[in-house]
Each structure stands twice: as structure tokens, then as C-alpha cells.
């Protein structure tokens, strides 16, 4: 009975460590992705990352001229025949030009995270 309880606790701790590692990796990928488009100004935050095989996220935070903290989250849902962009609750299909930019950004992102984060994995 105690062995079963201890095994369950150990499995739970392993799953918690795995989940925390995944969160840290995504945060690091997001930071690398945010740097693809130039230097992030002091006090600002910019992230660009792949959430899953069909979803890309762009997140930016800044302080506006009146000193108010602002943020923008853009989610790209990549489908076989189109890319949908969601911002502030509005969903629309992206233009060809924006789709091309997203493809280029995703390629740069993959190159950078492979080189800077996962290069040690054979």
C-alpha cells in the first residue's frame, strides 16, 4: 500500500518537473523569437513562439506615451488552405504578404532555437 502511494507521488513529481521544463523551454523559445525582429527596447517585452504544430503567437508589451502599460497578443492559426489571425477578439484571414512574412519568421525562429537552444541534442 505504501509502495503504491510512494510510486504515485514519485510519478507526480516527475510529471511536475516535466511540465516545468516545458514551460521554461517555451519561455526561452519565445524570448529568442522576440529578438528576431530587432532589439527589444528597455522595459518592453516581445515574444514570438510556436505553441503547437498549427499555432504561432506574437506577444508584445510596452509603455505608451502617457505611461500606461500596453500589450498586444496576436495568434496565427495555420490551416491547410489559409492562416487565420486573431487579435483582440477579432479573427481574419491574413494577406499573402503577411503569410509570407510569417513563413520567413517561422524559418528564422526554427534556425535560431535549433542553434541556440537545442544544438546539444543529437
PDB file of N, CA and C in Angstrom:
ATOM      1  N   UNK A   1       0.828  -1.193   0.000  1.00  0.00           N
ATOM      2  CA  UNK A   1       0.000   0.000   0.000  1.00  0.00           C
ATOM      3  C   UNK A   1       0.875   1.259   0.000  1.00  0.00           C
ATOM      4  N   UNK A   2       1.889   1.291   0.892  1.00  0.00           N
ATOM      5  CA  UNK A   2       2.770   2.457   0.980  1.00  0.00           C
ATOM      6  C   UNK A   2       3.607   2.566  -0.293  1.00  0.00           C
ATOM      7  N   UNK A   3       4.075   1.439  -0.814  1.00  0.00           N
ATOM      8  CA  UNK A   3       4.851   1.470  -2.060  1.00  0.00           C
ATOM      9  C   UNK A   3       4.024   2.079  -3.186  1.00  0.00           C
ATOM     10  N   UNK A   4       2.767   1.713  -3.281  1.00  0.00           N
ATOM     11  CA  UNK A   4       1.887   2.249  -4.320  1.00  0.00           C
ATOM     12  C   UNK A   4       1.725   3.762  -4.149  1.00  0.00           C
ATOM     13  N   UNK A   5       1.581   4.213  -2.930  1.00  0.00           N
ATOM     14  CA  UNK A   5       1.446   5.640  -2.640  1.00  0.00           C
ATOM     15  C   UNK A   5       2.729   6.387  -3.008  1.00  0.00           C
ATOM     16  N   UNK A   6       3.888   5.825  -2.613  1.00  0.00           N
ATOM     17  CA  UNK A   6       5.175   6.457  -2.926  1.00  0.00           C
ATOM     18  C   UNK A   6       5.435   6.487  -4.429  1.00  0.00           C
ATOM     19  N   UNK A   7       5.087   5.392  -5.118  1.00  0.00           N
ATOM     20  CA  UNK A   7       5.242   5.364  -6.574  1.00  0.00           C
ATOM     21  C   UNK A   7       4.378   6.438  -7.237  1.00  0.00           C
ATOM     22  N   UNK A   8       3.165   6.602  -6.736  1.00  0.00           N
ATOM     23  CA  UNK A   8       2.272   7.632  -7.271  1.00  0.00           C
ATOM     24  C   UNK A   8       2.821   9.025  -7.042  1.00  0.00           C
ATOM     25  N   UNK A   9       3.386   9.268  -5.863  1.00  0.00           N
ATOM     26  CA  UNK A   9       3.968  10.576  -5.554  1.00  0.00           C
ATOM     27  C   UNK A   9       5.184  10.842  -6.436  1.00  0.00           C
ATOM     28  N   UNK A  10       6.007   9.821  -6.647  1.00  0.00           N
ATOM     29  CA  UNK A  10       7.190   9.979  -7.499  1.00  0.00           C
ATOM     30  C   UNK A  10       6.783  10.282  -8.935  1.00  0.00           C
ATOM     31  N   UNK A  11       5.763   9.596  -9.419  1.00  0.00           N
ATOM     32  CA  UNK A  11       5.278   9.845 -10.781  1.00  0.00           C
ATOM     33  C   UNK A  11       4.739  11.267 -10.902  1.00  0.00           C
ATOM     34  N   UNK A  12       4.048  11.736  -9.874  1.00  0.00           N
ATOM     35  CA  UNK A  12       3.514  13.100  -9.890  1.00  0.00           C
ATOM     36  C   UNK A  12       4.648  14.120  -9.912  1.00  0.00           C
ATOM     37  N   UNK A  13       5.698  13.897  -9.121  1.00  0.00           N
ATOM     38  CA  UNK A  13       6.849  14.810  -9.110  1.00  0.00           C
ATOM     39  C   UNK A  13       7.543  14.825 -10.474  1.00  0.00           C
ATOM     40  N   UNK A  14       7.679  13.652 -11.103  1.00  0.00           N
ATOM     41  CA  UNK A  14       8.288  13.593 -12.443  1.00  0.00           C
ATOM     42  C   UNK A  14       7.456  14.396 -13.441  1.00  0.00           C
ATOM     43  N   UNK A  15       6.154  14.253 -13.373  1.00  0.00           N
ATOM     44  CA  UNK A  15       5.270  14.987 -14.288  1.00  0.00           C
ATOM     45  C   UNK A  15       5.345  16.489 -14.022  1.00  0.00           C
ATOM     46  N   UNK A  16       5.440  16.900 -12.778  1.00  0.00           N
ATOM     47  CA  UNK A  16       5.569  18.322 -12.444  1.00  0.00           C
ATOM     48  C   UNK A  16       6.886  18.877 -12.971  1.00  0.00           C
ATOM     49  N   UNK A  17       7.979  18.122 -12.819  1.00  0.00           N
ATOM     50  CA  UNK A  17       9.280  18.564 -13.343  1.00  0.00           C
ATOM     51  C   UNK A  17       9.247  18.663 -14.866  1.00  0.00           C
ATOM     52  N   UNK A  18       8.604  17.699 -15.508  1.00  0.00           N
ATOM     53  CA  UNK A  18       8.495  17.716 -16.964  1.00  0.00           C
ATOM     54  C   UNK A  18       7.689  18.935 -17.423  1.00  0.00           C
ATOM     55  N   UNK A  19       6.583  19.214 -16.750  1.00  0.00           N
ATOM     56  CA  UNK A  19       5.749  20.370 -17.119  1.00  0.00           C
ATOM     57  C   UNK A  19       6.512  21.672 -16.912  1.00  0.00           C
ATOM     58  N   UNK A  20       7.267  21.779 -15.819  1.00  0.00           N
ATOM     59  CA  UNK A  20       8.052  22.990 -15.559  1.00  0.00           C
ATOM     60  C   UNK A  20       9.147  23.154 -16.603  1.00  0.00           C
ATOM     61  N   UNK A  21       9.797  22.070 -16.993  1.00  0.00           N
ATOM     62  CA  UNK A  21      10.816  22.130 -18.038  1.00  0.00           C
ATOM     63  C   UNK A  21      10.200  22.607 -19.356  1.00  0.00           C
ATOM     64  N   UNK A  22       9.030  22.096 -19.709  1.00  0.00           N
ATOM     65  CA  UNK A  22       8.363  22.525 -20.938  1.00  0.00           C
ATOM     66  C   UNK A  22       8.033  24.016 -20.887  1.00  0.00           C
ATOM     67  N   UNK A  23       7.539  24.512 -19.745  1.00  0.00           N
ATOM     68  CA  UNK A  23       7.239  25.948 -19.607  1.00  0.00           C
ATOM     69  C   UNK A  23       8.508  26.778 -19.780  1.00  0.00           C
ATOM     70  N   UNK A  24       9.603  26.334 -19.184  1.00  0.00           N
ATOM     71  CA  UNK A  24      10.869  27.068 -19.308  1.00  0.00           C
ATOM     72  C   UNK A  24      11.368  27.078 -20.743  1.00  0.00           C
ATOM     73  N   UNK A  25      11.260  25.954 -21.432  1.00  0.00           N
ATOM     74  CA  UNK A  25      11.699  25.887 -22.829  1.00  0.00           C
ATOM     75  C   UNK A  25      10.865  26.815 -23.702  1.00  0.00           C
ATOM     76  N   UNK A  26       9.549  26.819 -23.518  1.00  0.00           N
ATOM     77  CA  UNK A  26       8.699  27.705 -24.318  1.00  0.00           C
ATOM     78  C   UNK A  26       9.024  29.164 -24.021  1.00  0.00           C
ATOM     79  N   UNK A  27       9.256  29.507 -22.745  1.00  0.00           N
ATOM     80  CA  UNK A  27       9.613  30.892 -22.407  1.00  0.00           C
ATOM     81  C   UNK A  27      10.926  31.290 -23.082  1.00  0.00           C
ATOM     82  N   UNK A  28      11.892  30.376 -23.084  1.00  0.00           N
ATOM     83  CA  UNK A  28      13.183  30.682 -23.716  1.00  0.00           C
ATOM     84  C   UNK A  28      13.029  30.792 -25.237  1.00  0.00           C
ATOM     85  N   UNK A  29      12.261  29.877 -25.842  1.00  0.00           N
ATOM     86  CA  UNK A  29      11.993  29.964 -27.277  1.00  0.00           C
ATOM     87  C   UNK A  29      11.313  31.292 -27.609  1.00  0.00           C
ATOM     88  N   UNK A  30      10.353  31.692 -26.773  1.00  0.00           N
ATOM     89  CA  UNK A  30       9.613  32.937 -27.005  1.00  0.00           C
ATOM     90  C   UNK A  30      10.541  34.142 -26.964  1.00  0.00           C
ATOM     91  N   UNK A  31      11.484  34.131 -26.035  1.00  0.00           N
ATOM     92  CA  UNK A  31      12.441  35.234 -25.931  1.00  0.00           C
ATOM     93  C   UNK A  31      13.322  35.295 -27.179  1.00  0.00           C
ATOM     94  N   UNK A  32      13.835  34.149 -27.592  1.00  0.00           N
ATOM     95  CA  UNK A  32      14.648  34.096 -28.816  1.00  0.00           C
ATOM     96  C   UNK A  32      13.818  34.588 -30.003  1.00  0.00           C
ATOM     97  N   UNK A  33      12.595  34.113 -30.121  1.00  0.00           N
ATOM     98  CA  UNK A  33      11.717  34.527 -31.213  1.00  0.00           C
ATOM     99  C   UNK A  33      11.448  36.019 -31.207  1.00  0.00           C
ATOM    100  N   UNK A  34      11.313  36.606 -30.014  1.00  0.00           N
ATOM    101  CA  UNK A  34      11.055  38.045 -29.919  1.00  0.00           C
ATOM    102  C   UNK A  34      12.221  38.894 -30.383  1.00  0.00           C
ATOM    103  N   UNK A  35      13.412  38.325 -30.371  1.00  0.00           N
ATOM    104  CA  UNK A  35      14.606  39.051 -30.798  1.00  0.00           C
ATOM    105  C   UNK A  35      14.818  38.990 -32.312  1.00  0.00           C
ATOM    106  N   UNK A  36      14.012  38.193 -33.015  1.00  0.00           N
ATOM    107  CA  UNK A  36      14.168  38.054 -34.466  1.00  0.00           C
ATOM    108  C   UNK A  36      13.948  39.361 -35.207  1.00  0.00           C
ATOM    109  N   UNK A  37      13.170  40.264 -34.617  1.00  0.00           N
ATOM    110  CA  UNK A  37      12.742  41.469 -35.314  1.00  0.00           C
ATOM    111  C   UNK A  37      13.444  42.707 -34.800  1.00  0.00           C
ATOM    112  N   UNK A  38      14.617  42.511 -34.240  1.00  0.00           N
ATOM    113  CA  UNK A  38      15.394  43.633 -33.751  1.00  0.00           C
ATOM    114  C   UNK A  38      15.466  43.662 -32.237  1.00  0.00           C
ATOM    115  N   UNK A  39      16.221  44.609 -31.757  1.00  0.00           N
ATOM    116  CA  UNK A  39      16.436  44.751 -30.318  1.00  0.00           C
ATOM    117  C   UNK A  39      15.126  45.136 -29.628  1.00  0.00           C
ATOM    118  N   UNK A  40      14.888  44.534 -28.469  1.00  0.00           N
ATOM    119  CA  UNK A  40      13.697  44.851 -27.675  1.00  0.00           C
ATOM    120  C   UNK A  40      14.053  46.030 -26.774  1.00  0.00           C
ATOM    121  N   UNK A  41      13.350  47.148 -26.926  1.00  0.00           N
ATOM    122  CA  UNK A  41      13.670  48.326 -26.104  1.00  0.00           C
ATOM    123  C   UNK A  41      13.562  48.037 -24.600  1.00  0.00           C
ATOM    124  N   UNK A  42      14.375  48.718 -23.831  1.00  0.00           N
ATOM    125  CA  UNK A  42      14.384  48.578 -22.372  1.00  0.00           C
ATOM    126  C   UNK A  42      12.970  48.766 -21.815  1.00  0.00           C
ATOM    127  N   UNK A  43      12.558  47.869 -20.943  1.00  0.00           N
ATOM    128  CA  UNK A  43      11.242  47.960 -20.323  1.00  0.00           C
ATOM    129  C   UNK A  43      10.127  47.341 -21.145  1.00  0.00           C
ATOM    130  N   UNK A  44      10.434  46.950 -22.371  1.00  0.00           N
ATOM    131  CA  UNK A  44       9.447  46.300 -23.230  1.00  0.00           C
ATOM    132  C   UNK A  44       9.647  44.794 -23.193  1.00  0.00           C
ATOM    133  N   UNK A  45       8.653  44.100 -23.648  1.00  0.00           N
ATOM    134  CA  UNK A  45       8.747  42.636 -23.736  1.00  0.00           C
ATOM    135  C   UNK A  45       8.164  42.220 -25.076  1.00  0.00           C
ATOM    136  N   UNK A  46       8.877  41.350 -25.770  1.00  0.00           N
ATOM    137  CA  UNK A  46       8.421  40.854 -27.068  1.00  0.00           C
ATOM    138  C   UNK A  46       8.683  39.363 -27.128  1.00  0.00           C
ATOM    139  N   UNK A  47       7.680  38.621 -27.560  1.00  0.00           N
ATOM    140  CA  UNK A  47       7.808  37.170 -27.669  1.00  0.00           C
ATOM    141  C   UNK A  47       7.179  36.702 -28.978  1.00  0.00           C
ATOM    142  N   UNK A  48       7.796  35.712 -29.566  1.00  0.00           N
ATOM    143  CA  UNK A  48       7.268  35.072 -30.762  1.00  0.00           C
ATOM    144  C   UNK A  48       7.610  33.604 -30.622  1.00  0.00           C
ATOM    145  N   UNK A  49       6.595  32.742 -30.695  1.00  0.00           N
ATOM    146  CA  UNK A  49       6.867  31.328 -30.482  1.00  0.00           C
ATOM    147  C   UNK A  49       5.804  30.445 -31.125  1.00  0.00           C
ATOM    148  N   UNK A  50       6.176  29.197 -31.268  1.00  0.00           N
ATOM    149  CA  UNK A  50       5.303  28.176 -31.811  1.00  0.00           C
ATOM    150  C   UNK A  50       4.665  27.450 -30.630  1.00  0.00           C
ATOM    151  N   UNK A  51       3.359  27.576 -30.483  1.00  0.00           N
ATOM    152  CA  UNK A  51       2.652  26.963 -29.363  1.00  0.00           C
ATOM    153  C   UNK A  51       2.417  25.479 -29.612  1.00  0.00           C
ATOM    154  N   UNK A  52       2.024  25.153 -30.826  1.00  0.00           N
ATOM    155  CA  UNK A  52       1.856  23.761 -31.242  1.00  0.00           C
ATOM    156  C   UNK A  52       2.042  23.708 -32.760  1.00  0.00           C
ATOM    157  N   UNK A  53       1.800  22.586 -33.364  1.00  0.00           N
ATOM    158  CA  UNK A  53       2.130  22.466 -34.788  1.00  0.00           C
ATOM    159  C   UNK A  53       1.304  23.356 -35.713  1.00  0.00           C
ATOM    160  N   UNK A  54       0.233  23.978 -35.199  1.00  0.00           N
ATOM    161  CA  UNK A  54      -0.608  24.833 -36.036  1.00  0.00           C
ATOM    162  C   UNK A  54      -0.730  26.266 -35.522  1.00  0.00           C
ATOM    163  N   UNK A  55      -0.098  26.580 -34.407  1.00  0.00           N
ATOM    164  CA  UNK A  55      -0.343  27.872 -33.766  1.00  0.00           C
ATOM    165  C   UNK A  55       0.950  28.617 -33.475  1.00  0.00           C
ATOM    166  N   UNK A  56       1.009  29.867 -33.947  1.00  0.00           N
ATOM    167  CA  UNK A  56       2.115  30.770 -33.676  1.00  0.00           C
ATOM    168  C   UNK A  56       1.578  31.948 -32.876  1.00  0.00           C
ATOM    169  N   UNK A  57       2.375  32.440 -31.941  1.00  0.00           N
ATOM    170  CA  UNK A  57       1.941  33.536 -31.082  1.00  0.00           C
ATOM    171  C   UNK A  57       2.976  34.654 -31.103  1.00  0.00           C
ATOM    172  N   UNK A  58       2.491  35.877 -31.258  1.00  0.00           N
ATOM    173  CA  UNK A  58       3.300  37.097 -31.148  1.00  0.00           C
ATOM    174  C   UNK A  58       2.729  37.867 -29.971  1.00  0.00           C
ATOM    175  N   UNK A  59       3.576  38.188 -29.000  1.00  0.00           N
ATOM    176  CA  UNK A  59       3.129  38.941 -27.821  1.00  0.00           C
ATOM    177  C   UNK A  59       4.101  40.089 -27.598  1.00  0.00           C
ATOM    178  N   UNK A  60       3.542  41.268 -27.390  1.00  0.00           N
ATOM    179  CA  UNK A  60       4.405  42.427 -27.140  1.00  0.00           C
ATOM    180  C   UNK A  60       3.782  43.286 -26.048  1.00  0.00           C
ATOM    181  N   UNK A  61       4.640  43.772 -25.147  1.00  0.00           N
ATOM    182  CA  UNK A  61       4.234  44.695 -24.086  1.00  0.00           C
ATOM    183  C   UNK A  61       5.140  45.916 -24.152  1.00  0.00           C
ATOM    184  N   UNK A  62       4.547  47.103 -23.937  1.00  0.00           N
ATOM    185  CA  UNK A  62       5.298  48.345 -23.974  1.00  0.00           C
ATOM    186  C   UNK A  62       4.587  49.377 -23.121  1.00  0.00           C
ATOM    187  N   UNK A  63       5.289  50.479 -22.865  1.00  0.00           N
ATOM    188  CA  UNK A  63       4.695  51.609 -22.152  1.00  0.00           C
ATOM    189  C   UNK A  63       4.439  52.695 -23.184  1.00  0.00           C
ATOM    190  N   UNK A  64       3.180  53.169 -23.256  1.00  0.00           N
ATOM    191  CA  UNK A  64       2.848  54.183 -24.254  1.00  0.00           C
ATOM    192  C   UNK A  64       3.284  55.575 -23.783  1.00  0.00           C
ATOM    193  N   UNK A  65       3.033  56.581 -24.605  1.00  0.00           N
ATOM    194  CA  UNK A  65       3.488  57.944 -24.320  1.00  0.00           C
ATOM    195  C   UNK A  65       2.889  58.520 -23.053  1.00  0.00           C
ATOM    196  N   UNK A  66       1.715  58.009 -22.651  1.00  0.00           N
ATOM    197  CA  UNK A  66       1.093  58.506 -21.416  1.00  0.00           C
ATOM    198  C   UNK A  66       1.536  57.722 -20.189  1.00  0.00           C
ATOM    199  N   UNK A  67       2.472  56.767 -20.382  1.00  0.00           N
ATOM    200  CA  UNK A  67       2.996  55.989 -19.264  1.00  0.00           C
ATOM    201  C   UNK A  67       2.177  54.753 -18.918  1.00  0.00           C
ATOM    202  N   UNK A  68       1.184  54.452 -19.730  1.00  0.00           N
ATOM    203  CA  UNK A  68       0.339  53.280 -19.481  1.00  0.00           C
ATOM    204  C   UNK A  68       0.938  52.037 -20.134  1.00  0.00           C
ATOM    205  N   UNK A  69       0.906  50.943 -19.405  1.00  0.00           N
ATOM    206  CA  UNK A  69       1.398  49.675 -19.930  1.00  0.00           C
ATOM    207  C   UNK A  69       0.384  49.142 -20.945  1.00  0.00           C
ATOM    208  N   UNK A  70       0.861  48.782 -22.123  1.00  0.00           N
ATOM    209  CA  UNK A  70       0.022  48.241 -23.187  1.00  0.00           C
ATOM    210  C   UNK A  70       0.529  46.853 -23.563  1.00  0.00           C
ATOM    211  N   UNK A  71      -0.347  46.049 -24.128  1.00  0.00           N
ATOM    212  CA  UNK A  71       0.103  44.757 -24.644  1.00  0.00           C
ATOM    213  C   UNK A  71      -0.768  44.339 -25.812  1.00  0.00           C
ATOM    214  N   UNK A  72      -0.185  43.535 -26.653  1.00  0.00           N
ATOM    215  CA  UNK A  72      -0.871  43.040 -27.850  1.00  0.00           C
ATOM    216  C   UNK A  72      -0.510  41.572 -28.016  1.00  0.00           C
ATOM    217  N   UNK A  73      -1.510  40.736 -28.160  1.00  0.00           N
ATOM    218  CA  UNK A  73      -1.284  39.316 -28.421  1.00  0.00           C
ATOM    219  C   UNK A  73      -1.912  39.001 -29.775  1.00  0.00           C
ATOM    220  N   UNK A  74      -1.109  38.438 -30.648  1.00  0.00           N
ATOM    221  CA  UNK A  74      -1.580  38.027 -31.967  1.00  0.00           C
ATOM    222  C   UNK A  74      -1.353  36.524 -32.081  1.00  0.00           C
ATOM    223  N   UNK A  75      -2.407  35.840 -32.446  1.00  0.00           N
ATOM    224  CA  UNK A  75      -2.322  34.387 -32.595  1.00  0.00           C
ATOM    225  C   UNK A  75      -2.585  34.045 -34.050  1.00  0.00           C
ATOM    226  N   UNK A  76      -1.698  33.238 -34.620  1.00  0.00           N
ATOM    227  CA  UNK A  76      -1.842  32.790 -36.002  1.00  0.00           C
ATOM    228  C   UNK A  76      -2.207  31.304 -35.996  1.00  0.00           C
ATOM    229  N   UNK A  77      -3.339  30.988 -36.586  1.00  0.00           N
ATOM    230  CA  UNK A  77      -3.810  29.604 -36.692  1.00  0.00           C
ATOM    231  C   UNK A  77      -3.564  29.156 -38.128  1.00  0.00           C
ATOM    232  N   UNK A  78      -2.563  28.301 -38.309  1.00  0.00           N
ATOM    233  CA  UNK A  78      -2.157  27.860 -39.646  1.00  0.00           C
ATOM    234  C   UNK A  78      -3.001  26.652 -40.039  1.00  0.00           C
ATOM    235  N   UNK A  79      -3.761  26.833 -41.095  1.00  0.00           N
ATOM    236  CA  UNK A  79      -4.631  25.770 -41.612  1.00  0.00           C
ATOM    237  C   UNK A  79      -4.133  25.357 -42.989  1.00  0.00           C
ATOM    238  N   UNK A  80      -4.596  24.213 -43.493  1.00  0.00           N
ATOM    239  CA  UNK A  80      -4.108  23.742 -44.798  1.00  0.00           C
ATOM    240  C   UNK A  80      -4.305  24.746 -45.936  1.00  0.00           C
ATOM    241  N   UNK A  81      -5.379  25.515 -45.885  1.00  0.00           N
ATOM    242  CA  UNK A  81      -5.683  26.396 -47.015  1.00  0.00           C
ATOM    243  C   UNK A  81      -5.605  27.887 -46.683  1.00  0.00           C
ATOM    244  N   UNK A  82      -5.326  28.248 -45.426  1.00  0.00           N
ATOM    245  CA  UNK A  82      -5.271  29.661 -45.039  1.00  0.00           C
ATOM    246  C   UNK A  82      -4.588  29.818 -43.689  1.00  0.00           C
ATOM    247  N   UNK A  83      -4.329  31.048 -43.329  1.00  0.00           N
ATOM    248  CA  UNK A  83      -3.829  31.375 -41.996  1.00  0.00           C
ATOM    249  C   UNK A  83      -4.793  32.395 -41.403  1.00  0.00           C
ATOM    250  N   UNK A  84      -5.313  32.079 -40.224  1.00  0.00           N
ATOM    251  CA  UNK A  84      -6.205  32.998 -39.533  1.00  0.00           C
ATOM    252  C   UNK A  84      -5.433  33.738 -38.460  1.00  0.00           C
ATOM    253  N   UNK A  85      -5.714  35.020 -38.354  1.00  0.00           N
ATOM    254  CA  UNK A  85      -5.040  35.883 -37.391  1.00  0.00           C
ATOM    255  C   UNK A  85      -6.085  36.358 -36.382  1.00  0.00           C
ATOM    256  N   UNK A  86      -5.780  36.180 -35.107  1.00  0.00           N
ATOM    257  CA  UNK A  86      -6.688  36.603 -34.044  1.00  0.00           C
ATOM    258  C   UNK A  86      -5.997  37.674 -33.211  1.00  0.00           C
ATOM    259  N   UNK A  87      -6.657  38.828 -33.093  1.00  0.00           N
ATOM    260  CA  UNK A  87      -6.142  39.952 -32.310  1.00  0.00           C
ATOM    261  C   UNK A  87      -7.317  40.623 -31.625  1.00  0.00           C
ATOM    262  N   UNK A  88      -7.217  40.778 -30.308  1.00  0.00           N
ATOM    263  CA  UNK A  88      -8.265  41.465 -29.550  1.00  0.00           C
ATOM    264  C   UNK A  88      -9.662  40.929 -29.854  1.00  0.00           C
ATOM    265  N   UNK A  89      -9.775  39.628 -30.012  1.00  0.00           N
ATOM    266  CA  UNK A  89     -11.075  39.024 -30.263  1.00  0.00           C
ATOM    267  C   UNK A  89     -11.544  39.074 -31.695  1.00  0.00           C
ATOM    268  N   UNK A  90     -10.786  39.708 -32.571  1.00  0.00           N
ATOM    269  CA  UNK A  90     -11.139  39.793 -33.994  1.00  0.00           C
ATOM    270  C   UNK A  90     -10.328  38.753 -34.763  1.00  0.00           C
ATOM    271  N   UNK A  91     -11.007  37.999 -35.600  1.00  0.00           N
ATOM    272  CA  UNK A  91     -10.342  36.966 -36.389  1.00  0.00           C
ATOM    273  C   UNK A  91     -10.503  37.317 -37.865  1.00  0.00           C
ATOM    274  N   UNK A  92      -9.374  37.253 -38.576  1.00  0.00           N
ATOM    275  CA  UNK A  92      -9.435  37.498 -40.023  1.00  0.00           C
ATOM    276  C   UNK A  92      -8.361  36.679 -40.710  1.00  0.00           C
ATOM    277  N   UNK A  93      -8.550  36.491 -41.993  1.00  0.00           N
ATOM    278  CA  UNK A  93      -7.569  35.792 -42.803  1.00  0.00           C
ATOM    279  C   UNK A  93      -6.424  36.752 -43.103  1.00  0.00           C
ATOM    280  N   UNK A  94      -5.184  36.260 -43.061  1.00  0.00           N
ATOM    281  CA  UNK A  94      -4.047  37.142 -43.334  1.00  0.00           C
ATOM    282  C   UNK A  94      -3.880  37.319 -44.842  1.00  0.00           C
ATOM    283  N   UNK A  95      -3.238  38.406 -45.211  1.00  0.00           N
ATOM    284  CA  UNK A  95      -2.926  38.644 -46.613  1.00  0.00           C
ATOM    285  C   UNK A  95      -1.781  37.738 -47.039  1.00  0.00           C
ATOM    286  N   UNK A  96      -1.573  37.620 -48.324  1.00  0.00           N
ATOM    287  CA  UNK A  96      -0.458  36.821 -48.829  1.00  0.00           C
ATOM    288  C   UNK A  96       0.868  37.369 -48.316  1.00  0.00           C
ATOM    289  N   UNK A  97       1.005  38.690 -48.285  1.00  0.00           N
ATOM    290  CA  UNK A  97       2.243  39.306 -47.810  1.00  0.00           C
ATOM    291  C   UNK A  97       2.504  38.967 -46.342  1.00  0.00           C
ATOM    292  N   UNK A  98       1.467  39.038 -45.527  1.00  0.00           N
ATOM    293  CA  UNK A  98       1.650  38.707 -44.113  1.00  0.00           C
ATOM    294  C   UNK A  98       1.945  37.216 -43.935  1.00  0.00           C
ATOM    295  N   UNK A  99       1.309  36.375 -44.727  1.00  0.00           N
ATOM    296  CA  UNK A  99       1.584  34.935 -44.677  1.00  0.00           C
ATOM    297  C   UNK A  99       3.040  34.666 -45.042  1.00  0.00           C
ATOM    298  N   UNK A 100       3.533  35.346 -46.077  1.00  0.00           N
ATOM    299  CA  UNK A 100       4.931  35.186 -46.486  1.00  0.00           C
ATOM    300  C   UNK A 100       5.880  35.617 -45.361  1.00  0.00           C
ATOM    301  N   UNK A 101       5.558  36.730 -44.691  1.00  0.00           N
ATOM    302  CA  UNK A 101       6.394  37.199 -43.574  1.00  0.00           C
ATOM    303  C   UNK A 101       6.371  36.203 -42.410  1.00  0.00           C
ATOM    304  N   UNK A 102       5.202  35.624 -42.149  1.00  0.00           N
ATOM    305  CA  UNK A 102       5.094  34.628 -41.077  1.00  0.00           C
ATOM    306  C   UNK A 102       5.924  33.391 -41.404  1.00  0.00           C
ATOM    307  N   UNK A 103       5.881  32.959 -42.653  1.00  0.00           N
ATOM    308  CA  UNK A 103       6.683  31.803 -43.071  1.00  0.00           C
ATOM    309  C   UNK A 103       8.172  32.095 -42.875  1.00  0.00           C
ATOM    310  N   UNK A 104       8.621  33.272 -43.303  1.00  0.00           N
ATOM    311  CA  UNK A 104      10.030  33.638 -43.133  1.00  0.00           C
ATOM    312  C   UNK A 104      10.401  33.721 -41.653  1.00  0.00           C
ATOM    313  N   UNK A 105       9.543  34.331 -40.852  1.00  0.00           N
ATOM    314  CA  UNK A 105       9.801  34.441 -39.413  1.00  0.00           C
ATOM    315  C   UNK A 105       9.863  33.062 -38.774  1.00  0.00           C
ATOM    316  N   UNK A 106       8.990  32.159 -39.190  1.00  0.00           N
ATOM    317  CA  UNK A 106       8.996  30.810 -38.608  1.00  0.00           C
ATOM    318  C   UNK A 106      10.273  30.063 -38.974  1.00  0.00           C
ATOM    319  N   UNK A 107      10.780  30.283 -40.178  1.00  0.00           N
ATOM    320  CA  UNK A 107      12.044  29.648 -40.584  1.00  0.00           C
ATOM    321  C   UNK A 107      13.209  30.181 -39.744  1.00  0.00           C
ATOM    322  N   UNK A 108      13.268  31.498 -39.583  1.00  0.00           N
ATOM    323  CA  UNK A 108      14.320  32.095 -38.749  1.00  0.00           C
ATOM    324  C   UNK A 108      14.227  31.595 -37.307  1.00  0.00           C
ATOM    325  N   UNK A 109      13.019  31.529 -36.804  1.00  0.00           N
ATOM    326  CA  UNK A 109      12.770  31.039 -35.442  1.00  0.00           C
ATOM    327  C   UNK A 109      13.311  29.617 -35.283  1.00  0.00           C
ATOM    328  N   UNK A 110      12.955  28.743 -36.221  1.00  0.00           N
ATOM    329  CA  UNK A 110      13.414  27.356 -36.151  1.00  0.00           C
ATOM    330  C   UNK A 110      14.947  27.283 -36.177  1.00  0.00           C
ATOM    331  N   UNK A 111      15.566  28.077 -37.046  1.00  0.00           N
ATOM    332  CA  UNK A 111      17.028  28.083 -37.126  1.00  0.00           C
ATOM    333  C   UNK A 111      17.652  28.536 -35.811  1.00  0.00           C
ATOM    334  N   UNK A 112      17.131  29.633 -35.268  1.00  0.00           N
ATOM    335  CA  UNK A 112      17.701  30.191 -34.033  1.00  0.00           C
ATOM    336  C   UNK A 112      17.516  29.265 -32.836  1.00  0.00           C
ATOM    337  N   UNK A 113      16.311  28.721 -32.660  1.00  0.00           N
ATOM    338  CA  UNK A 113      16.128  27.875 -31.470  1.00  0.00           C
ATOM    339  C   UNK A 113      16.904  26.570 -31.606  1.00  0.00           C
ATOM    340  N   UNK A 114      17.024  26.075 -32.842  1.00  0.00           N
ATOM    341  CA  UNK A 114      17.823  24.867 -33.041  1.00  0.00           C
ATOM    342  C   UNK A 114      19.282  25.137 -32.685  1.00  0.00           C
ATOM    343  N   UNK A 115      19.807  26.278 -33.124  1.00  0.00           N
ATOM    344  CA  UNK A 115      21.212  26.606 -32.889  1.00  0.00           C
ATOM    345  C   UNK A 115      21.479  27.021 -31.447  1.00  0.00           C
ATOM    346  N   UNK A 116      20.575  27.780 -30.856  1.00  0.00           N
ATOM    347  CA  UNK A 116      20.839  28.368 -29.537  1.00  0.00           C
ATOM    348  C   UNK A 116      20.286  27.557 -28.369  1.00  0.00           C
ATOM    349  N   UNK A 117      19.294  26.737 -28.628  1.00  0.00           N
ATOM    350  CA  UNK A 117      18.649  26.048 -27.513  1.00  0.00           C
ATOM    351  C   UNK A 117      18.764  24.545 -27.598  1.00  0.00           C
ATOM    352  N   UNK A 118      18.668  24.002 -28.791  1.00  0.00           N
ATOM    353  CA  UNK A 118      18.622  22.539 -28.932  1.00  0.00           C
ATOM    354  C   UNK A 118      19.833  21.963 -29.649  1.00  0.00           C
ATOM    355  N   UNK A 119      20.884  22.743 -29.830  1.00  0.00           N
ATOM    356  CA  UNK A 119      22.055  22.251 -30.572  1.00  0.00           C
ATOM    357  C   UNK A 119      22.759  21.098 -29.861  1.00  0.00           C
ATOM    358  N   UNK A 120      22.570  20.994 -28.556  1.00  0.00           N
ATOM    359  CA  UNK A 120      23.216  19.926 -27.806  1.00  0.00           C
ATOM    360  C   UNK A 120      22.512  18.584 -27.982  1.00  0.00           C
ATOM    361  N   UNK A 121      21.306  18.586 -28.541  1.00  0.00           N
ATOM    362  CA  UNK A 121      20.554  17.346 -28.748  1.00  0.00           C
ATOM    363  C   UNK A 121      20.928  16.784 -30.107  1.00  0.00           C
ATOM    364  N   UNK A 122      21.394  15.552 -30.123  1.00  0.00           N
ATOM    365  CA  UNK A 122      21.846  14.933 -31.367  1.00  0.00           C
ATOM    366  C   UNK A 122      20.721  14.436 -32.133  1.00  0.00           C
TER     367      UNK A 122
END
